[in-house]
Amino acid sequence: MQHIQVKDSWPESISDGLILSCKLCGHLPKFDYTVTDSFWRSIVPLELQTDVICLGCLDKLASSQGEDVSRYLKVVQFTGIKKTIVMTPDVVYHY
């Protein structure tokens, strides 16, 4: 069984459960994520760069510009009950 690291302190850039709706689709994101700054600046229109964009809408923006969001994801976060689970993407299946 793999050991799961549990941390009590809340580091910068980890979701704290505050959820704002996506500026593009209006839905509440199910996942938070971190991508590289250069990718964000090149894919997200300037007027939306300080807003919330859900992972699904970011994927649509990237795909429409010939980019693959999976290449730029650092972490994906799921905010549950009094916790945030941080997942590191390591496998992508294209179809």
PDB file of N, CA and C in Angstrom:
ATOM      1  N   MET A   1       0.830  -1.164   0.000  1.00  0.00           N
ATOM      2  CA  MET A   1       0.000   0.000   0.000  1.00  0.00           C
ATOM      3  C   MET A   1       0.890   1.248   0.000  1.00  0.00           C
ATOM      4  N   GLN A   2       0.538   2.219  -0.816  1.00  0.00           N
ATOM      5  CA  GLN A   2       1.308   3.450  -0.916  1.00  0.00           C
ATOM      6  C   GLN A   2       0.996   4.362   0.267  1.00  0.00           C
ATOM      7  N   HIS A   3       2.036   4.977   0.814  1.00  0.00           N
ATOM      8  CA  HIS A   3       1.863   5.905   1.928  1.00  0.00           C
ATOM      9  C   HIS A   3       1.356   7.246   1.400  1.00  0.00           C
ATOM     10  N   ILE A   4       0.318   7.769   2.011  1.00  0.00           N
ATOM     11  CA  ILE A   4      -0.238   9.071   1.665  1.00  0.00           C
ATOM     12  C   ILE A   4       0.270  10.083   2.674  1.00  0.00           C
ATOM     13  N   GLN A   5       0.847  11.161   2.177  1.00  0.00           N
ATOM     14  CA  GLN A   5       1.361  12.222   3.040  1.00  0.00           C
ATOM     15  C   GLN A   5       0.213  13.134   3.452  1.00  0.00           C
ATOM     16  N   VAL A   6       0.049  13.309   4.751  1.00  0.00           N
ATOM     17  CA  VAL A   6      -0.999  14.174   5.282  1.00  0.00           C
ATOM     18  C   VAL A   6      -0.335  15.379   5.922  1.00  0.00           C
ATOM     19  N   LYS A   7      -0.777  16.573   5.538  1.00  0.00           N
ATOM     20  CA  LYS A   7      -0.184  17.806   6.064  1.00  0.00           C
ATOM     21  C   LYS A   7      -1.234  18.606   6.803  1.00  0.00           C
ATOM     22  N   ASP A   8      -0.822  19.239   7.885  1.00  0.00           N
ATOM     23  CA  ASP A   8      -1.737  20.058   8.675  1.00  0.00           C
ATOM     24  C   ASP A   8      -1.684  21.529   8.288  1.00  0.00           C
ATOM     25  N   SER A   9      -0.537  22.010   7.819  1.00  0.00           N
ATOM     26  CA  SER A   9      -0.434  23.423   7.445  1.00  0.00           C
ATOM     27  C   SER A   9      -0.988  23.609   6.034  1.00  0.00           C
ATOM     28  N   TRP A  10      -1.470  24.804   5.760  1.00  0.00           N
ATOM     29  CA  TRP A  10      -2.122  25.095   4.478  1.00  0.00           C
ATOM     30  C   TRP A  10      -1.182  25.893   3.593  1.00  0.00           C
ATOM     31  N   PRO A  11      -0.518  25.265   2.621  1.00  0.00           N
ATOM     32  CA  PRO A  11       0.449  25.973   1.778  1.00  0.00           C
ATOM     33  C   PRO A  11      -0.219  26.898   0.762  1.00  0.00           C
ATOM     34  N   GLU A  12       0.548  27.854   0.290  1.00  0.00           N
ATOM     35  CA  GLU A  12       0.081  28.769  -0.745  1.00  0.00           C
ATOM     36  C   GLU A  12      -0.316  27.977  -1.989  1.00  0.00           C
ATOM     37  N   SER A  13      -1.321  28.419  -2.663  1.00  0.00           N
ATOM     38  CA  SER A  13      -1.834  27.895  -3.938  1.00  0.00           C
ATOM     39  C   SER A  13      -2.647  26.614  -3.796  1.00  0.00           C
ATOM     40  N   ILE A  14      -2.911  26.152  -2.594  1.00  0.00           N
ATOM     41  CA  ILE A  14      -3.764  24.990  -2.402  1.00  0.00           C
ATOM     42  C   ILE A  14      -5.172  25.483  -2.100  1.00  0.00           C
ATOM     43  N   SER A  15      -6.149  24.901  -2.771  1.00  0.00           N
ATOM     44  CA  SER A  15      -7.531  25.334  -2.606  1.00  0.00           C
ATOM     45  C   SER A  15      -7.954  25.258  -1.148  1.00  0.00           C
ATOM     46  N   ASP A  16      -8.641  26.300  -0.694  1.00  0.00           N
ATOM     47  CA  ASP A  16      -9.134  26.337   0.685  1.00  0.00           C
ATOM     48  C   ASP A  16     -10.640  26.113   0.743  1.00  0.00           C
ATOM     49  N   GLY A  17     -11.196  25.632  -0.354  1.00  0.00           N
ATOM     50  CA  GLY A  17     -12.618  25.341  -0.384  1.00  0.00           C
ATOM     51  C   GLY A  17     -13.481  26.497  -0.859  1.00  0.00           C
ATOM     52  N   LEU A  18     -12.890  27.685  -1.022  1.00  0.00           N
ATOM     53  CA  LEU A  18     -13.635  28.817  -1.557  1.00  0.00           C
ATOM     54  C   LEU A  18     -13.867  28.552  -3.040  1.00  0.00           C
ATOM     55  N   ILE A  19     -15.119  28.498  -3.431  1.00  0.00           N
ATOM     56  CA  ILE A  19     -15.426  28.144  -4.809  1.00  0.00           C
ATOM     57  C   ILE A  19     -16.196  29.280  -5.471  1.00  0.00           C
ATOM     58  N   LEU A  20     -15.640  29.769  -6.571  1.00  0.00           N
ATOM     59  CA  LEU A  20     -16.300  30.778  -7.403  1.00  0.00           C
ATOM     60  C   LEU A  20     -16.661  30.115  -8.722  1.00  0.00           C
ATOM     61  N   SER A  21     -17.705  30.574  -9.364  1.00  0.00           N
ATOM     62  CA  SER A  21     -18.111  29.965 -10.626  1.00  0.00           C
ATOM     63  C   SER A  21     -17.161  30.341 -11.753  1.00  0.00           C
ATOM     64  N   CYS A  22     -17.114  29.476 -12.748  1.00  0.00           N
ATOM     65  CA  CYS A  22     -16.283  29.689 -13.928  1.00  0.00           C
ATOM     66  C   CYS A  22     -16.822  30.885 -14.710  1.00  0.00           C
ATOM     67  N   LYS A  23     -15.931  31.753 -15.106  1.00  0.00           N
ATOM     68  CA  LYS A  23     -16.321  32.960 -15.843  1.00  0.00           C
ATOM     69  C   LYS A  23     -16.862  32.627 -17.236  1.00  0.00           C
ATOM     70  N   LEU A  24     -16.483  31.488 -17.793  1.00  0.00           N
ATOM     71  CA  LEU A  24     -16.929  31.135 -19.137  1.00  0.00           C
ATOM     72  C   LEU A  24     -18.234  30.344 -19.153  1.00  0.00           C
ATOM     73  N   CYS A  25     -18.358  29.308 -18.342  1.00  0.00           N
ATOM     74  CA  CYS A  25     -19.559  28.459 -18.399  1.00  0.00           C
ATOM     75  C   CYS A  25     -20.530  28.707 -17.252  1.00  0.00           C
ATOM     76  N   GLY A  26     -20.075  29.366 -16.193  1.00  0.00           N
ATOM     77  CA  GLY A  26     -20.938  29.671 -15.065  1.00  0.00           C
ATOM     78  C   GLY A  26     -21.091  28.563 -14.037  1.00  0.00           C
ATOM     79  N   HIS A  27     -20.515  27.398 -14.302  1.00  0.00           N
ATOM     80  CA  HIS A  27     -20.622  26.280 -13.361  1.00  0.00           C
ATOM     81  C   HIS A  27     -19.601  26.411 -12.237  1.00  0.00           C
ATOM     82  N   LEU A  28     -19.901  25.774 -11.106  1.00  0.00           N
ATOM     83  CA  LEU A  28     -18.927  25.711 -10.016  1.00  0.00           C
ATOM     84  C   LEU A  28     -17.912  24.625 -10.345  1.00  0.00           C
ATOM     85  N   PRO A  29     -16.630  24.942 -10.318  1.00  0.00           N
ATOM     86  CA  PRO A  29     -15.609  23.944 -10.647  1.00  0.00           C
ATOM     87  C   PRO A  29     -15.623  22.780  -9.659  1.00  0.00           C
ATOM     88  N   LYS A  30     -15.431  21.573 -10.168  1.00  0.00           N
ATOM     89  CA  LYS A  30     -15.307  20.392  -9.315  1.00  0.00           C
ATOM     90  C   LYS A  30     -13.863  20.190  -8.899  1.00  0.00           C
ATOM     91  N   PHE A  31     -12.961  20.729  -9.697  1.00  0.00           N
ATOM     92  CA  PHE A  31     -11.532  20.590  -9.430  1.00  0.00           C
ATOM     93  C   PHE A  31     -10.854  21.939  -9.569  1.00  0.00           C
ATOM     94  N   ASP A  32      -9.856  22.155  -8.752  1.00  0.00           N
ATOM     95  CA  ASP A  32      -8.960  23.291  -8.902  1.00  0.00           C
ATOM     96  C   ASP A  32      -7.697  22.738  -9.556  1.00  0.00           C
ATOM     97  N   TYR A  33      -6.862  23.588 -10.066  1.00  0.00           N
ATOM     98  CA  TYR A  33      -5.666  23.111 -10.756  1.00  0.00           C
ATOM     99  C   TYR A  33      -4.632  24.222 -10.783  1.00  0.00           C
ATOM    100  N   THR A  34      -3.424  23.832 -11.106  1.00  0.00           N
ATOM    101  CA  THR A  34      -2.344  24.789 -11.323  1.00  0.00           C
ATOM    102  C   THR A  34      -1.691  24.447 -12.653  1.00  0.00           C
ATOM    103  N   VAL A  35      -1.513  25.459 -13.498  1.00  0.00           N
ATOM    104  CA  VAL A  35      -0.789  25.303 -14.759  1.00  0.00           C
ATOM    105  C   VAL A  35       0.369  26.301 -14.765  1.00  0.00           C
ATOM    106  N   THR A  36       1.249  26.152 -15.728  1.00  0.00           N
ATOM    107  CA  THR A  36       2.372  27.080 -15.822  1.00  0.00           C
ATOM    108  C   THR A  36       1.862  28.479 -16.156  1.00  0.00           C
ATOM    109  N   ASP A  37       2.550  29.481 -15.650  1.00  0.00           N
ATOM    110  CA  ASP A  37       2.158  30.869 -15.911  1.00  0.00           C
ATOM    111  C   ASP A  37       2.187  31.189 -17.400  1.00  0.00           C
ATOM    112  N   SER A  38       3.193  30.697 -18.094  1.00  0.00           N
ATOM    113  CA  SER A  38       3.307  31.015 -19.523  1.00  0.00           C
ATOM    114  C   SER A  38       2.144  30.407 -20.316  1.00  0.00           C
ATOM    115  N   PHE A  39       1.721  29.212 -19.948  1.00  0.00           N
ATOM    116  CA  PHE A  39       0.575  28.580 -20.608  1.00  0.00           C
ATOM    117  C   PHE A  39      -0.693  29.392 -20.352  1.00  0.00           C
ATOM    118  N   TRP A  40      -0.921  29.759 -19.084  1.00  0.00           N
ATOM    119  CA  TRP A  40      -2.107  30.549 -18.729  1.00  0.00           C
ATOM    120  C   TRP A  40      -2.164  31.837 -19.539  1.00  0.00           C
ATOM    121  N   ARG A  41      -1.048  32.552 -19.592  1.00  0.00           N
ATOM    122  CA  ARG A  41      -1.016  33.829 -20.307  1.00  0.00           C
ATOM    123  C   ARG A  41      -1.222  33.657 -21.810  1.00  0.00           C
ATOM    124  N   SER A  42      -0.780  32.528 -22.350  1.00  0.00           N
ATOM    125  CA  SER A  42      -0.907  32.334 -23.795  1.00  0.00           C
ATOM    126  C   SER A  42      -2.282  31.792 -24.207  1.00  0.00           C
ATOM    127  N   ILE A  43      -3.002  31.146 -23.300  1.00  0.00           N
ATOM    128  CA  ILE A  43      -4.275  30.515 -23.644  1.00  0.00           C
ATOM    129  C   ILE A  43      -5.484  31.339 -23.215  1.00  0.00           C
ATOM    130  N   VAL A  44      -5.432  31.905 -22.024  1.00  0.00           N
ATOM    131  CA  VAL A  44      -6.592  32.621 -21.479  1.00  0.00           C
ATOM    132  C   VAL A  44      -6.553  34.078 -21.945  1.00  0.00           C
ATOM    133  N   PRO A  45      -7.658  34.569 -22.511  1.00  0.00           N
ATOM    134  CA  PRO A  45      -7.693  35.971 -22.942  1.00  0.00           C
ATOM    135  C   PRO A  45      -7.348  36.908 -21.783  1.00  0.00           C
ATOM    136  N   LEU A  46      -6.646  37.973 -22.090  1.00  0.00           N
ATOM    137  CA  LEU A  46      -6.156  38.918 -21.080  1.00  0.00           C
ATOM    138  C   LEU A  46      -7.256  39.363 -20.121  1.00  0.00           C
ATOM    139  N   GLU A  47      -8.439  39.654 -20.638  1.00  0.00           N
ATOM    140  CA  GLU A  47      -9.515  40.166 -19.788  1.00  0.00           C
ATOM    141  C   GLU A  47     -10.072  39.107 -18.824  1.00  0.00           C
ATOM    142  N   LEU A  48      -9.706  37.835 -19.004  1.00  0.00           N
ATOM    143  CA  LEU A  48     -10.178  36.752 -18.135  1.00  0.00           C
ATOM    144  C   LEU A  48      -9.083  36.187 -17.231  1.00  0.00           C
ATOM    145  N   GLN A  49      -7.864  36.683 -17.358  1.00  0.00           N
ATOM    146  CA  GLN A  49      -6.739  36.072 -16.655  1.00  0.00           C
ATOM    147  C   GLN A  49      -6.796  36.192 -15.135  1.00  0.00           C
ATOM    148  N   THR A  50      -7.611  37.084 -14.589  1.00  0.00           N
ATOM    149  CA  THR A  50      -7.748  37.177 -13.132  1.00  0.00           C
ATOM    150  C   THR A  50      -9.044  36.537 -12.647  1.00  0.00           C
ATOM    151  N   ASP A  51      -9.766  35.880 -13.543  1.00  0.00           N
ATOM    152  CA  ASP A  51     -11.026  35.229 -13.202  1.00  0.00           C
ATOM    153  C   ASP A  51     -10.820  33.728 -13.011  1.00  0.00           C
ATOM    154  N   VAL A  52     -11.858  33.061 -12.551  1.00  0.00           N
ATOM    155  CA  VAL A  52     -11.863  31.608 -12.414  1.00  0.00           C
ATOM    156  C   VAL A  52     -12.265  31.004 -13.754  1.00  0.00           C
ATOM    157  N   ILE A  53     -11.463  30.076 -14.236  1.00  0.00           N
ATOM    158  CA  ILE A  53     -11.767  29.311 -15.445  1.00  0.00           C
ATOM    159  C   ILE A  53     -11.686  27.843 -15.041  1.00  0.00           C
ATOM    160  N   CYS A  54     -12.786  27.110 -15.182  1.00  0.00           N
ATOM    161  CA  CYS A  54     -12.764  25.698 -14.773  1.00  0.00           C
ATOM    162  C   CYS A  54     -11.854  24.899 -15.703  1.00  0.00           C
ATOM    163  N   LEU A  55     -11.455  23.734 -15.238  1.00  0.00           N
ATOM    164  CA  LEU A  55     -10.533  22.906 -16.005  1.00  0.00           C
ATOM    165  C   LEU A  55     -11.131  22.508 -17.352  1.00  0.00           C
ATOM    166  N   GLY A  56     -12.431  22.235 -17.394  1.00  0.00           N
ATOM    167  CA  GLY A  56     -13.078  21.889 -18.658  1.00  0.00           C
ATOM    168  C   GLY A  56     -13.010  23.015 -19.669  1.00  0.00           C
ATOM    169  N   CYS A  57     -13.285  24.238 -19.217  1.00  0.00           N
ATOM    170  CA  CYS A  57     -13.219  25.393 -20.127  1.00  0.00           C
ATOM    171  C   CYS A  57     -11.779  25.692 -20.535  1.00  0.00           C
ATOM    172  N   LEU A  58     -10.844  25.520 -19.622  1.00  0.00           N
ATOM    173  CA  LEU A  58      -9.440  25.720 -19.983  1.00  0.00           C
ATOM    174  C   LEU A  58      -9.022  24.714 -21.050  1.00  0.00           C
ATOM    175  N   ASP A  59      -9.481  23.474 -20.910  1.00  0.00           N
ATOM    176  CA  ASP A  59      -9.173  22.446 -21.908  1.00  0.00           C
ATOM    177  C   ASP A  59      -9.754  22.837 -23.265  1.00  0.00           C
ATOM    178  N   LYS A  60     -10.977  23.376 -23.274  1.00  0.00           N
ATOM    179  CA  LYS A  60     -11.592  23.820 -24.537  1.00  0.00           C
ATOM    180  C   LYS A  60     -10.808  24.979 -25.153  1.00  0.00           C
ATOM    181  N   LEU A  61     -10.415  25.946 -24.316  1.00  0.00           N
ATOM    182  CA  LEU A  61      -9.615  27.073 -24.826  1.00  0.00           C
ATOM    183  C   LEU A  61      -8.302  26.571 -25.430  1.00  0.00           C
ATOM    184  N   ALA A  62      -7.641  25.679 -24.712  1.00  0.00           N
ATOM    185  CA  ALA A  62      -6.351  25.156 -25.175  1.00  0.00           C
ATOM    186  C   ALA A  62      -6.516  24.380 -26.475  1.00  0.00           C
ATOM    187  N   SER A  63      -7.499  23.489 -26.511  1.00  0.00           N
ATOM    188  CA  SER A  63      -7.723  22.678 -27.717  1.00  0.00           C
ATOM    189  C   SER A  63      -8.039  23.539 -28.930  1.00  0.00           C
ATOM    190  N   SER A  64      -8.798  24.617 -28.710  1.00  0.00           N
ATOM    191  CA  SER A  64      -9.145  25.496 -29.827  1.00  0.00           C
ATOM    192  C   SER A  64      -7.923  26.215 -30.384  1.00  0.00           C
ATOM    193  N   GLN A  65      -6.850  26.248 -29.578  1.00  0.00           N
ATOM    194  CA  GLN A  65      -5.621  26.891 -30.017  1.00  0.00           C
ATOM    195  C   GLN A  65      -4.527  25.866 -30.337  1.00  0.00           C
ATOM    196  N   GLY A  66      -4.928  24.593 -30.445  1.00  0.00           N
ATOM    197  CA  GLY A  66      -3.986  23.541 -30.817  1.00  0.00           C
ATOM    198  C   GLY A  66      -3.057  23.114 -29.689  1.00  0.00           C
ATOM    199  N   GLU A  67      -3.410  23.406 -28.449  1.00  0.00           N
ATOM    200  CA  GLU A  67      -2.578  23.036 -27.296  1.00  0.00           C
ATOM    201  C   GLU A  67      -3.241  21.934 -26.493  1.00  0.00           C
ATOM    202  N   ASP A  68      -2.444  21.207 -25.732  1.00  0.00           N
ATOM    203  CA  ASP A  68      -2.920  20.128 -24.878  1.00  0.00           C
ATOM    204  C   ASP A  68      -2.699  20.534 -23.427  1.00  0.00           C
ATOM    205  N   VAL A  69      -3.792  20.839 -22.709  1.00  0.00           N
ATOM    206  CA  VAL A  69      -3.692  21.322 -21.331  1.00  0.00           C
ATOM    207  C   VAL A  69      -2.921  20.348 -20.444  1.00  0.00           C
ATOM    208  N   SER A  70      -2.980  19.055 -20.748  1.00  0.00           N
ATOM    209  CA  SER A  70      -2.300  18.070 -19.901  1.00  0.00           C
ATOM    210  C   SER A  70      -0.785  18.264 -19.873  1.00  0.00           C
ATOM    211  N   ARG A  71      -0.237  18.869 -20.882  1.00  0.00           N
ATOM    212  CA  ARG A  71       1.214  19.105 -20.921  1.00  0.00           C
ATOM    213  C   ARG A  71       1.646  20.195 -19.945  1.00  0.00           C
ATOM    214  N   TYR A  72       0.701  21.014 -19.485  1.00  0.00           N
ATOM    215  CA  TYR A  72       1.034  22.168 -18.661  1.00  0.00           C
ATOM    216  C   TYR A  72       0.479  22.093 -17.239  1.00  0.00           C
ATOM    217  N   LEU A  73      -0.277  21.031 -16.942  1.00  0.00           N
ATOM    218  CA  LEU A  73      -0.825  20.866 -15.595  1.00  0.00           C
ATOM    219  C   LEU A  73       0.281  20.519 -14.604  1.00  0.00           C
ATOM    220  N   LYS A  74       0.308  21.222 -13.496  1.00  0.00           N
ATOM    221  CA  LYS A  74       1.245  20.895 -12.421  1.00  0.00           C
ATOM    222  C   LYS A  74       0.567  19.983 -11.405  1.00  0.00           C
ATOM    223  N   VAL A  75      -0.603  20.405 -10.927  1.00  0.00           N
ATOM    224  CA  VAL A  75      -1.394  19.600  -9.995  1.00  0.00           C
ATOM    225  C   VAL A  75      -2.876  19.813 -10.279  1.00  0.00           C
ATOM    226  N   VAL A  76      -3.675  18.852  -9.864  1.00  0.00           N
ATOM    227  CA  VAL A  76      -5.128  18.965  -9.877  1.00  0.00           C
ATOM    228  C   VAL A  76      -5.566  18.739  -8.438  1.00  0.00           C
ATOM    229  N   GLN A  77      -6.492  19.570  -7.965  1.00  0.00           N
ATOM    230  CA  GLN A  77      -6.913  19.501  -6.575  1.00  0.00           C
ATOM    231  C   GLN A  77      -8.414  19.264  -6.480  1.00  0.00           C
ATOM    232  N   PHE A  78      -8.791  18.357  -5.596  1.00  0.00           N
ATOM    233  CA  PHE A  78     -10.192  18.125  -5.288  1.00  0.00           C
ATOM    234  C   PHE A  78     -10.434  18.579  -3.864  1.00  0.00           C
ATOM    235  N   THR A  79     -11.378  19.482  -3.665  1.00  0.00           N
ATOM    236  CA  THR A  79     -11.695  19.946  -2.331  1.00  0.00           C
ATOM    237  C   THR A  79     -12.879  19.151  -1.808  1.00  0.00           C
ATOM    238  N   GLY A  80     -12.617  18.385  -0.763  1.00  0.00           N
ATOM    239  CA  GLY A  80     -13.648  17.565  -0.149  1.00  0.00           C
ATOM    240  C   GLY A  80     -14.122  18.186   1.154  1.00  0.00           C
ATOM    241  N   ILE A  81     -14.508  17.365   2.089  1.00  0.00           N
ATOM    242  CA  ILE A  81     -14.995  17.818   3.382  1.00  0.00           C
ATOM    243  C   ILE A  81     -13.804  18.091   4.293  1.00  0.00           C
ATOM    244  N   LYS A  82     -13.538  19.363   4.542  1.00  0.00           N
ATOM    245  CA  LYS A  82     -12.446  19.823   5.408  1.00  0.00           C
ATOM    246  C   LYS A  82     -11.071  19.334   4.968  1.00  0.00           C
ATOM    247  N   LYS A  83     -10.928  19.134   3.660  1.00  0.00           N
ATOM    248  CA  LYS A  83      -9.622  18.709   3.136  1.00  0.00           C
ATOM    249  C   LYS A  83      -9.549  19.002   1.631  1.00  0.00           C
ATOM    250  N   THR A  84      -8.324  19.141   1.151  1.00  0.00           N
ATOM    251  CA  THR A  84      -8.077  19.226  -0.282  1.00  0.00           C
ATOM    252  C   THR A  84      -7.099  18.122  -0.643  1.00  0.00           C
ATOM    253  N   ILE A  85      -7.450  17.333  -1.633  1.00  0.00           N
ATOM    254  CA  ILE A  85      -6.605  16.238  -2.094  1.00  0.00           C
ATOM    255  C   ILE A  85      -5.873  16.733  -3.336  1.00  0.00           C
ATOM    256  N   VAL A  86      -4.555  16.695  -3.302  1.00  0.00           N
ATOM    257  CA  VAL A  86      -3.727  17.180  -4.403  1.00  0.00           C
ATOM    258  C   VAL A  86      -3.249  15.974  -5.215  1.00  0.00           C
ATOM    259  N   MET A  87      -3.543  16.018  -6.505  1.00  0.00           N
ATOM    260  CA  MET A  87      -3.165  14.927  -7.406  1.00  0.00           C
ATOM    261  C   MET A  87      -2.192  15.453  -8.449  1.00  0.00           C
ATOM    262  N   THR A  88      -1.168  14.697  -8.707  1.00  0.00           N
ATOM    263  CA  THR A  88      -0.186  15.072  -9.705  1.00  0.00           C
ATOM    264  C   THR A  88      -0.434  14.256 -10.972  1.00  0.00           C
ATOM    265  N   PRO A  89      -0.740  14.922 -12.085  1.00  0.00           N
ATOM    266  CA  PRO A  89      -0.998  14.182 -13.324  1.00  0.00           C
ATOM    267  C   PRO A  89       0.278  13.506 -13.824  1.00  0.00           C
ATOM    268  N   ASP A  90       0.179  12.219 -14.119  1.00  0.00           N
ATOM    269  CA  ASP A  90       1.366  11.539 -14.637  1.00  0.00           C
ATOM    270  C   ASP A  90       1.075  10.658 -15.849  1.00  0.00           C
ATOM    271  N   VAL A  91      -0.193  10.407 -16.129  1.00  0.00           N
ATOM    272  CA  VAL A  91      -0.565   9.604 -17.296  1.00  0.00           C
ATOM    273  C   VAL A  91      -1.718  10.292 -18.017  1.00  0.00           C
ATOM    274  N   VAL A  92      -1.614  10.392 -19.337  1.00  0.00           N
ATOM    275  CA  VAL A  92      -2.679  10.965 -20.165  1.00  0.00           C
ATOM    276  C   VAL A  92      -2.949   9.993 -21.295  1.00  0.00           C
ATOM    277  N   TYR A  93      -4.210   9.666 -21.504  1.00  0.00           N
ATOM    278  CA  TYR A  93      -4.618   8.832 -22.624  1.00  0.00           C
ATOM    279  C   TYR A  93      -5.343   9.712 -23.639  1.00  0.00           C
ATOM    280  N   HIS A  94      -4.841   9.748 -24.845  1.00  0.00           N
ATOM    281  CA  HIS A  94      -5.499  10.504 -25.910  1.00  0.00           C
ATOM    282  C   HIS A  94      -6.350   9.578 -26.760  1.00  0.00           C
ATOM    283  N   TYR A  95      -7.494  10.045 -27.152  1.00  0.00           N
ATOM    284  CA  TYR A  95      -8.368   9.255 -28.021  1.00  0.00           C
ATOM    285  C   TYR A  95      -9.023  10.138 -29.033  1.00  0.00           C
TER     286      TYR A  95
END
